[in-house]
Amino acid sequence: MEYYNQLLKKLSDQWEKEISLNRNEFLVVSGEINTNLYLVEEGSLRVFIEDETEEHTIRFGYKNSIIAALDCFLKEKPTVFYIQAIKKCSLRMISKKKYASFINGNNENKILWQNMLEDFVCQQIERELDLISYSPQKRFERVFKRSPHLFQEIPKKYIASYLRMSPETLSRILKKP
């Protein structure tokens, strides 16, 4: 994770704009093109998709994390994701154009970006394995071990959605000694 902190430090004077979101306000909505990257300075957000019957939480953003509609950022096509503030948020924004210029500015920046993308892909693979291979109890344990701070930052109903279980199932798991 040292590369991530190095990247944030190098980006410190690159951010173009500061944005504030109130609780439940959307940063990104499905169907739009938003190729910006955001740094969460305060608050928390969730990335989710909707189907005919419910919302499915995919990812969270919280203090010092970078968040984006990654499908749109990479392909410049309308996103399938929503990004919504869970708590009041302060964000910094950088456009894809400026970020690409920064990343392509030198080889060290390219390596930091590559490391960040590789880490993201590995996180997504681990998450997929959790969802298809483990019981709700085991999914909870694995996420709690990886990201205990989630349980202080994020409301339980969104964690339940992220873990692909009902809020009642998560509540039962949390009550176990």
N, C-alpha and C. Protein backbone atom coordinates (compact mmCIF):
# COMPACT_ATOMS: atom_id res chain seq x y z
N MET A 1 0.81 -1.20 0.00
CA MET A 1 0.00 0.00 0.00
C MET A 1 0.85 1.26 0.00
N GLU A 2 2.15 1.10 0.18
CA GLU A 2 3.03 2.26 0.18
C GLU A 2 2.94 3.03 -1.14
N TYR A 3 2.81 2.30 -2.25
CA TYR A 3 2.69 2.95 -3.55
C TYR A 3 1.45 3.86 -3.59
N TYR A 4 0.38 3.44 -2.93
CA TYR A 4 -0.85 4.24 -2.91
C TYR A 4 -0.61 5.57 -2.20
N ASN A 5 0.05 5.52 -1.06
CA ASN A 5 0.37 6.76 -0.33
C ASN A 5 1.32 7.64 -1.13
N GLN A 6 2.26 7.02 -1.84
CA GLN A 6 3.16 7.80 -2.70
C GLN A 6 2.37 8.50 -3.81
N LEU A 7 1.44 7.76 -4.40
CA LEU A 7 0.62 8.34 -5.47
C LEU A 7 -0.21 9.51 -4.92
N LEU A 8 -0.84 9.33 -3.76
CA LEU A 8 -1.63 10.42 -3.18
C LEU A 8 -0.76 11.65 -2.89
N LYS A 9 0.44 11.41 -2.39
CA LYS A 9 1.34 12.52 -2.10
C LYS A 9 1.71 13.28 -3.38
N LYS A 10 2.02 12.52 -4.44
CA LYS A 10 2.38 13.16 -5.70
C LYS A 10 1.21 13.90 -6.34
N LEU A 11 -0.01 13.42 -6.06
CA LEU A 11 -1.20 14.06 -6.61
C LEU A 11 -1.65 15.29 -5.82
N SER A 12 -1.04 15.53 -4.68
CA SER A 12 -1.55 16.55 -3.75
C SER A 12 -1.78 17.92 -4.40
N ASP A 13 -0.96 18.31 -5.36
CA ASP A 13 -1.14 19.61 -6.00
C ASP A 13 -1.77 19.51 -7.40
N GLN A 14 -2.29 18.33 -7.73
CA GLN A 14 -2.88 18.11 -9.06
C GLN A 14 -4.41 18.23 -9.08
N TRP A 15 -5.03 18.14 -7.93
CA TRP A 15 -6.50 18.14 -7.87
C TRP A 15 -7.03 19.46 -8.41
N GLU A 16 -8.08 19.40 -9.21
CA GLU A 16 -8.61 20.57 -9.90
C GLU A 16 -9.75 21.27 -9.17
N LYS A 17 -10.47 20.54 -8.36
CA LYS A 17 -11.70 21.08 -7.81
C LYS A 17 -12.05 20.37 -6.51
N GLU A 18 -12.71 21.08 -5.62
CA GLU A 18 -13.24 20.48 -4.39
C GLU A 18 -14.75 20.40 -4.52
N ILE A 19 -15.30 19.29 -4.06
CA ILE A 19 -16.74 19.04 -4.17
C ILE A 19 -17.26 18.62 -2.81
N SER A 20 -18.44 19.09 -2.47
CA SER A 20 -19.13 18.65 -1.25
C SER A 20 -20.42 17.95 -1.66
N LEU A 21 -20.72 16.85 -1.00
CA LEU A 21 -21.97 16.13 -1.22
C LEU A 21 -22.67 15.97 0.11
N ASN A 22 -23.96 16.16 0.12
CA ASN A 22 -24.76 15.86 1.30
C ASN A 22 -25.11 14.38 1.31
N ARG A 23 -25.51 13.91 2.47
CA ARG A 23 -25.94 12.51 2.61
C ARG A 23 -27.01 12.20 1.55
N ASN A 24 -26.87 11.05 0.91
CA ASN A 24 -27.78 10.53 -0.13
C ASN A 24 -27.66 11.23 -1.48
N GLU A 25 -26.82 12.24 -1.59
CA GLU A 25 -26.64 12.91 -2.88
C GLU A 25 -25.77 12.04 -3.78
N PHE A 26 -26.04 12.12 -5.09
CA PHE A 26 -25.30 11.31 -6.05
C PHE A 26 -24.12 12.07 -6.64
N LEU A 27 -22.99 11.39 -6.72
CA LEU A 27 -21.82 11.91 -7.41
C LEU A 27 -21.90 11.50 -8.88
N VAL A 28 -22.35 10.28 -9.12
CA VAL A 28 -22.45 9.71 -10.46
C VAL A 28 -23.77 8.93 -10.53
N VAL A 29 -24.44 9.01 -11.68
CA VAL A 29 -25.64 8.19 -11.88
C VAL A 29 -25.45 7.33 -13.13
N SER A 30 -26.07 6.17 -13.10
CA SER A 30 -26.00 5.24 -14.22
C SER A 30 -26.45 5.92 -15.50
N GLY A 31 -25.73 5.65 -16.59
CA GLY A 31 -26.09 6.20 -17.89
C GLY A 31 -25.33 7.45 -18.26
N GLU A 32 -24.65 8.07 -17.29
CA GLU A 32 -23.92 9.29 -17.62
C GLU A 32 -22.45 8.97 -17.90
N ILE A 33 -21.78 9.91 -18.52
CA ILE A 33 -20.34 9.80 -18.75
C ILE A 33 -19.66 10.73 -17.76
N ASN A 34 -18.91 10.15 -16.85
CA ASN A 34 -18.16 10.90 -15.85
C ASN A 34 -16.79 10.23 -15.74
N THR A 35 -15.79 10.85 -16.35
CA THR A 35 -14.46 10.25 -16.41
C THR A 35 -13.51 10.84 -15.37
N ASN A 36 -14.04 11.46 -14.35
CA ASN A 36 -13.20 12.05 -13.30
C ASN A 36 -12.82 11.01 -12.26
N LEU A 37 -11.70 11.28 -11.60
CA LEU A 37 -11.30 10.53 -10.40
C LEU A 37 -11.52 11.45 -9.21
N TYR A 38 -11.88 10.83 -8.08
CA TYR A 38 -12.17 11.60 -6.87
C TYR A 38 -11.38 11.04 -5.70
N LEU A 39 -10.91 11.92 -4.86
CA LEU A 39 -10.29 11.54 -3.60
C LEU A 39 -11.27 11.91 -2.50
N VAL A 40 -11.60 10.94 -1.66
CA VAL A 40 -12.50 11.19 -0.54
C VAL A 40 -11.67 11.77 0.60
N GLU A 41 -11.96 12.99 0.98
CA GLU A 41 -11.26 13.62 2.11
C GLU A 41 -12.01 13.39 3.41
N GLU A 42 -13.32 13.41 3.35
CA GLU A 42 -14.18 13.16 4.52
C GLU A 42 -15.45 12.49 4.03
N GLY A 43 -16.05 11.67 4.91
CA GLY A 43 -17.32 11.05 4.59
C GLY A 43 -17.15 9.67 3.97
N SER A 44 -18.25 9.15 3.45
CA SER A 44 -18.22 7.84 2.81
C SER A 44 -19.26 7.78 1.70
N LEU A 45 -18.95 6.94 0.71
CA LEU A 45 -19.82 6.75 -0.45
C LEU A 45 -19.96 5.27 -0.74
N ARG A 46 -20.96 4.95 -1.53
CA ARG A 46 -21.11 3.58 -2.00
C ARG A 46 -21.25 3.59 -3.51
N VAL A 47 -20.71 2.55 -4.13
CA VAL A 47 -20.86 2.33 -5.55
C VAL A 47 -21.83 1.16 -5.67
N PHE A 48 -22.89 1.35 -6.47
CA PHE A 48 -23.87 0.28 -6.59
C PHE A 48 -24.49 0.24 -7.97
N ILE A 49 -25.14 -0.87 -8.26
CA ILE A 49 -25.94 -1.04 -9.48
C ILE A 49 -27.35 -1.39 -9.04
N GLU A 50 -28.28 -1.23 -9.96
CA GLU A 50 -29.67 -1.60 -9.70
C GLU A 50 -30.10 -2.65 -10.71
N ASP A 51 -30.93 -3.59 -10.24
CA ASP A 51 -31.63 -4.45 -11.17
C ASP A 51 -33.12 -4.17 -10.99
N GLU A 52 -33.96 -5.04 -11.50
CA GLU A 52 -35.41 -4.79 -11.44
C GLU A 52 -35.95 -4.73 -10.02
N THR A 53 -35.27 -5.39 -9.08
CA THR A 53 -35.84 -5.52 -7.74
C THR A 53 -35.03 -4.88 -6.62
N GLU A 54 -33.73 -4.69 -6.81
CA GLU A 54 -32.94 -4.18 -5.70
C GLU A 54 -31.64 -3.53 -6.16
N GLU A 55 -30.98 -2.92 -5.19
CA GLU A 55 -29.66 -2.33 -5.40
C GLU A 55 -28.61 -3.33 -4.92
N HIS A 56 -27.48 -3.35 -5.59
CA HIS A 56 -26.37 -4.23 -5.22
C HIS A 56 -25.12 -3.38 -5.00
N THR A 57 -24.66 -3.31 -3.77
CA THR A 57 -23.48 -2.52 -3.45
C THR A 57 -22.24 -3.27 -3.92
N ILE A 58 -21.39 -2.56 -4.65
CA ILE A 58 -20.20 -3.14 -5.26
C ILE A 58 -18.93 -2.75 -4.49
N ARG A 59 -18.90 -1.53 -4.00
CA ARG A 59 -17.68 -0.99 -3.42
C ARG A 59 -18.02 0.20 -2.53
N PHE A 60 -17.08 0.57 -1.67
CA PHE A 60 -17.23 1.74 -0.81
C PHE A 60 -16.06 2.67 -1.00
N GLY A 61 -16.29 3.93 -0.75
CA GLY A 61 -15.23 4.92 -0.71
C GLY A 61 -15.30 5.62 0.63
N TYR A 62 -14.15 5.85 1.25
CA TYR A 62 -14.08 6.52 2.55
C TYR A 62 -12.78 7.29 2.59
N LYS A 63 -12.51 7.95 3.69
CA LYS A 63 -11.38 8.86 3.80
C LYS A 63 -10.10 8.28 3.18
N ASN A 64 -9.47 9.09 2.34
CA ASN A 64 -8.22 8.77 1.64
C ASN A 64 -8.33 7.69 0.58
N SER A 65 -9.54 7.40 0.12
CA SER A 65 -9.66 6.45 -0.99
C SER A 65 -10.00 7.20 -2.27
N ILE A 66 -9.54 6.63 -3.37
CA ILE A 66 -9.86 7.17 -4.69
C ILE A 66 -11.07 6.40 -5.19
N ILE A 67 -12.01 7.13 -5.75
CA ILE A 67 -13.24 6.52 -6.24
C ILE A 67 -13.57 7.09 -7.61
N ALA A 68 -14.16 6.24 -8.46
CA ALA A 68 -14.55 6.66 -9.80
C ALA A 68 -15.55 5.66 -10.35
N ALA A 69 -16.25 6.07 -11.38
CA ALA A 69 -17.04 5.13 -12.18
C ALA A 69 -16.01 4.51 -13.13
N LEU A 70 -15.36 3.47 -12.67
CA LEU A 70 -14.18 2.96 -13.36
C LEU A 70 -14.46 2.49 -14.79
N ASP A 71 -15.63 1.92 -15.03
CA ASP A 71 -15.97 1.50 -16.39
C ASP A 71 -15.95 2.70 -17.33
N CYS A 72 -16.51 3.79 -16.88
CA CYS A 72 -16.56 5.02 -17.66
C CYS A 72 -15.17 5.67 -17.75
N PHE A 73 -14.45 5.69 -16.65
CA PHE A 73 -13.11 6.27 -16.63
C PHE A 73 -12.21 5.57 -17.66
N LEU A 74 -12.28 4.25 -17.72
CA LEU A 74 -11.40 3.50 -18.61
C LEU A 74 -11.86 3.53 -20.07
N LYS A 75 -13.17 3.43 -20.32
CA LYS A 75 -13.68 3.27 -21.69
C LYS A 75 -14.40 4.51 -22.24
N GLU A 76 -14.63 5.50 -21.39
CA GLU A 76 -15.31 6.73 -21.80
C GLU A 76 -16.68 6.45 -22.44
N LYS A 77 -17.39 5.48 -21.87
CA LYS A 77 -18.76 5.15 -22.27
C LYS A 77 -19.64 5.33 -21.06
N PRO A 78 -20.94 5.46 -21.25
CA PRO A 78 -21.83 5.65 -20.09
C PRO A 78 -21.64 4.55 -19.04
N THR A 79 -21.64 4.95 -17.79
CA THR A 79 -21.42 4.01 -16.69
C THR A 79 -22.68 3.23 -16.36
N VAL A 80 -22.49 2.07 -15.77
CA VAL A 80 -23.61 1.29 -15.25
C VAL A 80 -23.78 1.53 -13.75
N PHE A 81 -22.87 2.29 -13.16
CA PHE A 81 -22.83 2.47 -11.70
C PHE A 81 -23.48 3.77 -11.24
N TYR A 82 -23.89 3.72 -9.99
CA TYR A 82 -24.28 4.90 -9.23
C TYR A 82 -23.22 5.05 -8.14
N ILE A 83 -22.86 6.29 -7.84
CA ILE A 83 -22.01 6.57 -6.68
C ILE A 83 -22.77 7.58 -5.84
N GLN A 84 -23.08 7.18 -4.59
CA GLN A 84 -23.93 7.98 -3.72
C GLN A 84 -23.26 8.19 -2.37
N ALA A 85 -23.40 9.40 -1.85
CA ALA A 85 -22.86 9.71 -0.52
C ALA A 85 -23.69 8.99 0.54
N ILE A 86 -23.01 8.28 1.42
CA ILE A 86 -23.66 7.65 2.57
C ILE A 86 -23.69 8.65 3.72
N LYS A 87 -22.59 9.38 3.85
CA LYS A 87 -22.46 10.45 4.82
C LYS A 87 -22.03 11.69 4.05
N LYS A 88 -22.18 12.85 4.67
CA LYS A 88 -21.72 14.09 4.04
C LYS A 88 -20.26 13.93 3.65
N CYS A 89 -19.93 14.33 2.43
CA CYS A 89 -18.59 14.09 1.88
C CYS A 89 -17.91 15.37 1.41
N SER A 90 -16.61 15.37 1.55
CA SER A 90 -15.73 16.35 0.92
C SER A 90 -14.82 15.55 0.00
N LEU A 91 -14.77 15.96 -1.26
CA LEU A 91 -14.00 15.25 -2.27
C LEU A 91 -13.11 16.23 -3.03
N ARG A 92 -12.05 15.70 -3.59
CA ARG A 92 -11.24 16.44 -4.55
C ARG A 92 -11.39 15.71 -5.87
N MET A 93 -11.36 16.46 -6.96
CA MET A 93 -11.58 15.90 -8.28
C MET A 93 -10.42 16.22 -9.21
N ILE A 94 -10.10 15.25 -10.07
CA ILE A 94 -9.15 15.47 -11.16
C ILE A 94 -9.76 14.84 -12.41
N SER A 95 -9.69 15.57 -13.52
CA SER A 95 -10.22 15.07 -14.78
C SER A 95 -9.31 13.95 -15.32
N LYS A 96 -9.88 13.11 -16.14
CA LYS A 96 -9.10 12.04 -16.76
C LYS A 96 -7.96 12.63 -17.59
N LYS A 97 -8.23 13.71 -18.30
CA LYS A 97 -7.20 14.33 -19.14
C LYS A 97 -6.01 14.77 -18.30
N LYS A 98 -6.28 15.47 -17.22
CA LYS A 98 -5.18 15.94 -16.36
C LYS A 98 -4.49 14.76 -15.67
N TYR A 99 -5.28 13.77 -15.25
CA TYR A 99 -4.70 12.60 -14.59
C TYR A 99 -3.80 11.84 -15.56
N ALA A 100 -4.25 11.66 -16.79
CA ALA A 100 -3.44 10.96 -17.80
C ALA A 100 -2.14 11.71 -18.06
N SER A 101 -2.21 13.02 -18.11
CA SER A 101 -1.01 13.82 -18.29
C SER A 101 -0.05 13.62 -17.11
N PHE A 102 -0.60 13.61 -15.91
CA PHE A 102 0.21 13.39 -14.71
C PHE A 102 0.85 11.99 -14.74
N ILE A 103 0.06 10.96 -15.02
CA ILE A 103 0.56 9.57 -15.03
C ILE A 103 1.62 9.39 -16.11
N ASN A 104 1.37 9.97 -17.28
CA ASN A 104 2.32 9.82 -18.38
C ASN A 104 3.50 10.77 -18.28
N GLY A 105 3.52 11.59 -17.22
CA GLY A 105 4.59 12.56 -17.03
C GLY A 105 5.94 11.94 -16.74
N ASN A 106 5.94 10.78 -16.08
CA ASN A 106 7.21 10.08 -15.84
C ASN A 106 6.94 8.61 -15.53
N ASN A 107 7.98 7.83 -15.61
CA ASN A 107 7.86 6.38 -15.46
C ASN A 107 7.44 5.99 -14.04
N GLU A 108 7.90 6.73 -13.04
CA GLU A 108 7.53 6.42 -11.66
C GLU A 108 6.02 6.52 -11.46
N ASN A 109 5.41 7.56 -12.04
CA ASN A 109 3.96 7.72 -11.94
C ASN A 109 3.23 6.57 -12.63
N LYS A 110 3.74 6.16 -13.79
CA LYS A 110 3.14 5.02 -14.51
C LYS A 110 3.18 3.76 -13.66
N ILE A 111 4.29 3.54 -12.99
CA ILE A 111 4.44 2.34 -12.15
C ILE A 111 3.48 2.40 -10.96
N LEU A 112 3.34 3.56 -10.34
CA LEU A 112 2.40 3.71 -9.22
C LEU A 112 0.97 3.42 -9.68
N TRP A 113 0.58 3.95 -10.83
CA TRP A 113 -0.76 3.71 -11.38
C TRP A 113 -0.95 2.23 -11.71
N GLN A 114 0.05 1.64 -12.30
CA GLN A 114 -0.02 0.20 -12.62
C GLN A 114 -0.20 -0.62 -11.35
N ASN A 115 0.56 -0.30 -10.31
CA ASN A 115 0.42 -1.01 -9.03
C ASN A 115 -0.98 -0.85 -8.46
N MET A 116 -1.52 0.37 -8.56
CA MET A 116 -2.86 0.61 -8.04
C MET A 116 -3.90 -0.20 -8.81
N LEU A 117 -3.80 -0.24 -10.12
CA LEU A 117 -4.73 -1.03 -10.93
C LEU A 117 -4.61 -2.52 -10.63
N GLU A 118 -3.39 -3.00 -10.50
CA GLU A 118 -3.19 -4.42 -10.18
C GLU A 118 -3.80 -4.76 -8.84
N ASP A 119 -3.63 -3.89 -7.86
CA ASP A 119 -4.20 -4.12 -6.54
C ASP A 119 -5.73 -4.14 -6.62
N PHE A 120 -6.28 -3.22 -7.39
CA PHE A 120 -7.74 -3.17 -7.56
C PHE A 120 -8.26 -4.46 -8.19
N VAL A 121 -7.59 -4.95 -9.23
CA VAL A 121 -8.01 -6.20 -9.88
C VAL A 121 -7.94 -7.37 -8.88
N CYS A 122 -6.88 -7.42 -8.10
CA CYS A 122 -6.76 -8.50 -7.10
C CYS A 122 -7.86 -8.41 -6.04
N GLN A 123 -8.20 -7.19 -5.63
CA GLN A 123 -9.31 -7.01 -4.68
C GLN A 123 -10.62 -7.52 -5.28
N GLN A 124 -10.84 -7.21 -6.55
CA GLN A 124 -12.08 -7.65 -7.20
C GLN A 124 -12.12 -9.17 -7.34
N ILE A 125 -11.00 -9.78 -7.64
CA ILE A 125 -10.95 -11.24 -7.73
C ILE A 125 -11.25 -11.86 -6.37
N GLU A 126 -10.65 -11.32 -5.33
CA GLU A 126 -10.89 -11.81 -3.98
C GLU A 126 -12.36 -11.67 -3.62
N ARG A 127 -12.96 -10.56 -3.97
CA ARG A 127 -14.38 -10.35 -3.70
C ARG A 127 -15.24 -11.35 -4.46
N GLU A 128 -14.95 -11.58 -5.73
CA GLU A 128 -15.70 -12.56 -6.50
C GLU A 128 -15.60 -13.95 -5.88
N LEU A 129 -14.41 -14.32 -5.48
CA LEU A 129 -14.23 -15.62 -4.83
C LEU A 129 -15.05 -15.71 -3.54
N ASP A 130 -15.04 -14.64 -2.75
CA ASP A 130 -15.85 -14.61 -1.53
C ASP A 130 -17.32 -14.88 -1.85
N LEU A 131 -17.82 -14.19 -2.88
CA LEU A 131 -19.25 -14.28 -3.18
C LEU A 131 -19.68 -15.62 -3.73
N ILE A 132 -18.80 -16.28 -4.48
CA ILE A 132 -19.22 -17.56 -5.08
C ILE A 132 -18.78 -18.78 -4.28
N SER A 133 -17.87 -18.60 -3.35
CA SER A 133 -17.29 -19.76 -2.67
C SER A 133 -17.63 -19.91 -1.21
N TYR A 134 -18.10 -18.87 -0.56
CA TYR A 134 -18.22 -18.92 0.89
C TYR A 134 -19.63 -18.66 1.39
N SER A 135 -19.89 -19.19 2.55
CA SER A 135 -21.16 -18.97 3.25
C SER A 135 -21.23 -17.51 3.70
N PRO A 136 -22.43 -17.03 4.05
CA PRO A 136 -22.54 -15.67 4.58
C PRO A 136 -21.62 -15.42 5.78
N GLN A 137 -21.52 -16.38 6.68
CA GLN A 137 -20.66 -16.24 7.86
C GLN A 137 -19.20 -16.05 7.44
N LYS A 138 -18.75 -16.88 6.52
CA LYS A 138 -17.36 -16.81 6.07
C LYS A 138 -17.09 -15.52 5.29
N ARG A 139 -18.06 -15.08 4.47
CA ARG A 139 -17.90 -13.81 3.74
C ARG A 139 -17.72 -12.67 4.74
N PHE A 140 -18.56 -12.66 5.77
CA PHE A 140 -18.46 -11.64 6.81
C PHE A 140 -17.07 -11.66 7.44
N GLU A 141 -16.61 -12.85 7.85
CA GLU A 141 -15.31 -12.98 8.52
C GLU A 141 -14.18 -12.48 7.64
N ARG A 142 -14.22 -12.83 6.37
CA ARG A 142 -13.14 -12.43 5.46
C ARG A 142 -13.14 -10.91 5.24
N VAL A 143 -14.31 -10.31 5.08
CA VAL A 143 -14.38 -8.86 4.90
C VAL A 143 -13.98 -8.15 6.19
N PHE A 144 -14.43 -8.67 7.33
CA PHE A 144 -14.07 -8.06 8.61
C PHE A 144 -12.56 -8.09 8.82
N LYS A 145 -11.94 -9.20 8.44
CA LYS A 145 -10.48 -9.32 8.59
C LYS A 145 -9.74 -8.34 7.66
N ARG A 146 -10.23 -8.21 6.42
CA ARG A 146 -9.59 -7.32 5.44
C ARG A 146 -9.84 -5.85 5.74
N SER A 147 -11.07 -5.54 6.16
CA SER A 147 -11.48 -4.13 6.27
C SER A 147 -12.33 -3.89 7.52
N PRO A 148 -11.75 -4.04 8.71
CA PRO A 148 -12.55 -3.85 9.92
C PRO A 148 -13.13 -2.44 10.05
N HIS A 149 -12.46 -1.46 9.46
CA HIS A 149 -12.93 -0.08 9.53
C HIS A 149 -14.29 0.11 8.85
N LEU A 150 -14.64 -0.76 7.91
CA LEU A 150 -15.95 -0.66 7.26
C LEU A 150 -17.08 -0.64 8.27
N PHE A 151 -16.91 -1.42 9.33
CA PHE A 151 -17.98 -1.58 10.30
C PHE A 151 -18.12 -0.36 11.22
N GLN A 152 -17.18 0.56 11.16
CA GLN A 152 -17.31 1.84 11.85
C GLN A 152 -17.82 2.93 10.90
N GLU A 153 -17.52 2.79 9.63
CA GLU A 153 -17.79 3.84 8.64
C GLU A 153 -19.13 3.70 7.92
N ILE A 154 -19.56 2.46 7.70
CA ILE A 154 -20.64 2.20 6.76
C ILE A 154 -21.85 1.60 7.49
N PRO A 155 -23.06 2.10 7.21
CA PRO A 155 -24.26 1.51 7.82
C PRO A 155 -24.41 0.03 7.46
N LYS A 156 -24.93 -0.73 8.39
CA LYS A 156 -25.03 -2.19 8.25
C LYS A 156 -25.84 -2.62 7.02
N LYS A 157 -26.87 -1.86 6.65
CA LYS A 157 -27.69 -2.27 5.51
C LYS A 157 -26.87 -2.28 4.21
N TYR A 158 -25.90 -1.36 4.10
CA TYR A 158 -25.05 -1.35 2.90
C TYR A 158 -23.99 -2.43 2.96
N ILE A 159 -23.49 -2.71 4.15
CA ILE A 159 -22.55 -3.82 4.30
C ILE A 159 -23.24 -5.13 3.95
N ALA A 160 -24.47 -5.30 4.39
CA ALA A 160 -25.24 -6.51 4.06
C ALA A 160 -25.38 -6.65 2.55
N SER A 161 -25.71 -5.56 1.86
CA SER A 161 -25.82 -5.58 0.41
C SER A 161 -24.49 -5.95 -0.23
N TYR A 162 -23.42 -5.38 0.25
CA TYR A 162 -22.07 -5.67 -0.25
C TYR A 162 -21.73 -7.15 -0.07
N LEU A 163 -22.16 -7.72 1.06
CA LEU A 163 -21.88 -9.13 1.35
C LEU A 163 -22.89 -10.07 0.72
N ARG A 164 -23.87 -9.53 0.00
CA ARG A 164 -24.93 -10.31 -0.65
C ARG A 164 -25.71 -11.14 0.36
N MET A 165 -26.18 -10.46 1.38
CA MET A 165 -27.03 -11.11 2.38
C MET A 165 -28.05 -10.10 2.86
N SER A 166 -29.08 -10.58 3.50
CA SER A 166 -30.10 -9.68 4.03
C SER A 166 -29.56 -8.98 5.27
N PRO A 167 -30.09 -7.81 5.59
CA PRO A 167 -29.70 -7.14 6.83
C PRO A 167 -29.95 -8.02 8.06
N GLU A 168 -31.00 -8.84 8.01
CA GLU A 168 -31.30 -9.74 9.13
C GLU A 168 -30.21 -10.80 9.31
N THR A 169 -29.72 -11.33 8.20
CA THR A 169 -28.63 -12.32 8.29
C THR A 169 -27.38 -11.68 8.88
N LEU A 170 -27.04 -10.49 8.42
CA LEU A 170 -25.88 -9.80 8.97
C LEU A 170 -26.08 -9.53 10.46
N SER A 171 -27.27 -9.13 10.84
CA SER A 171 -27.56 -8.87 12.25
C SER A 171 -27.37 -10.12 13.10
N ARG A 172 -27.83 -11.27 12.59
CA ARG A 172 -27.64 -12.54 13.32
C ARG A 172 -26.16 -12.88 13.45
N ILE A 173 -25.41 -12.67 12.38
CA ILE A 173 -23.96 -12.94 12.43
C ILE A 173 -23.28 -12.03 13.43
N LEU A 174 -23.65 -10.77 13.46
CA LEU A 174 -23.03 -9.83 14.40
C LEU A 174 -23.38 -10.13 15.86
N LYS A 175 -24.51 -10.76 16.08
CA LYS A 175 -24.93 -11.08 17.45
C LYS A 175 -24.25 -12.34 18.00
N LYS A 176 -23.68 -13.15 17.11
CA LYS A 176 -23.01 -14.38 17.57
C LYS A 176 -21.79 -14.00 18.41
N PRO A 177 -21.57 -14.76 19.52
CA PRO A 177 -20.40 -14.45 20.35
C PRO A 177 -19.08 -14.76 19.69
